[in-house]
Amino acid sequence: MMAERAPTNDIAAIMQALGARARIAAASLAQASAAGRDQALRAAAGEIRSRRADILAANAADVAAAEARGTAAAMLDRLRLDDARIEAMAGGLEAIASMDDPVGRTLAEWERPNGLRIRRVSVPLGVIGIIYESRPNVTADAAALCVKSGNAVILRGGSESDASNRAIHACLQAGLDAAGIDPAAVQVVPTTDRAAVGYLLSSMAGVIDVVVPRGGRSLIERVQRDARVPVIGHLEGLCHVYLHAGADTSMAVDVTLNAKMRRTGICGAAETILIDATELDRLLPPLAAALLGAGCEIRGDQPVCDRLPGAVAATEEDWSTEYLDAIVSIRAVAGLDDALAHIARYGSGHTDCIVTGDAAAAERFLDRVDSAIVLHNASTQFADGGEFGMGAEIGIATGRIHARGPVGAEQLTSYKYVVTGNGQTRPA
């Protein structure tokens, strides 16, 4: 087990010191120029590339420790870094730097009959607490989005990725310092003591403006239960692919295989496949062959099991399970309305897809499915801020207040009203 990085006998003192520095940094960062914030991100990208060997060495230590603990393969994949993923981190910082400034935008403006001119202008949220597990690239993505949007951030990664997170954080702070921005704008909790998370959630309402959790169900449930500040996030990604009667066979197989198997451990991975019962004999054999060939276990309802002797009989629990593994449940449905009813009952409001050549059916699905992301003829694995052109995202929000879908830099801003007059007073 990795040694603690700071004494943990006074979590309150540790966390309050972090918060005080973050609040000061937030005030200065909000006033920093867009060019300065972008310079910090580009400099951090350069640091990540130049310190590649250090990051890989730190990650190797994390992975070795995780393997020794018997960590599941899907979680190891989320934890592991390689040259391509490090380059993707650096490229993500540069992509975020190249985006339009989300701060100071005039979102709307109008003039009242009394001559008052009113503008709604975007502003940073302030100080953001981000709690996440496994994926060390979140350290870079989350910090970059916060810096771009003028927010200070306190990062608390999982203990399993602690060495990796510290190595990446050093690059981020070097980038901020090179741009003349207070490095305290990006801080990591200097202890792996779990009590620090509890303190952040319950006792820092005067410092933290919003918390963004990213991880497994137990983490999200804890954050949503214990937080005394607003939370942006999602509980789970129970994503569906619905193969409508109008689906092209080749497209149905390609889209579904990618949605399930490209990366099974991400929240945008498909967990349930719905197939129109009239099309089972056409669509199921090639789809099952592709899934089984890729090493995916199939759990099916009775019509599916009747056609696939190797399928495992699905239980009621399967329809509401986020596997995050090479397992998928398949159900035959009576048509579009039945598919919509299934998604409404079991879905998590994250991402759902229809594959069909029937434009009317697609439009009805896109209109009726109440999820943060709905797709037509495209893999659910496109549920990602980078794929949306946001450079990166902290996570996928499934709530309906403030942010929904990929949470990028723009979603990390709020707004204020700027009112300009020429001596107007309000009548009694």
Foldseek 3Di string as FASTA:
>chain_A
DDDWQDDDPCLVVLLVVLLVLQQVLLVVLQVDDLLLLLQLLLQLLVLLVVCVVQLQVLLVVLLVVCVVVVHDPLLSVQQHDDPVVSNLLSQLSNLLSPDDQLFFDFPDWDADPVGKIKTKGWGFLEEEEEEEERHLSLLSQVLSLQSSLSYQYEYEYAPSNVSSNVSSLVSSLVSSVVSVRHSSSYHYRRTNPCVSVLCVFAPVVVRHAEYEYYYAQVVVVCSVVRHPHHYFAFNAQAEEEEEAPQFDQVLSQVQLCCLAPVRLQDRLRHAEYEYAPVCCVPRVPVNVCSLVVSVAAEEEDDVSCVVPVRHHHDDPVSLQDSPSDRYHYYYHANGLVRVLVSCVVRGRQAEYEYGHPDPVSQVCVVVRRRHLYYYYSHHSVCQFCVSVSLSGASHAGRDDPQDGGGHGSSSSIDIDMDMDDDDDDDDD
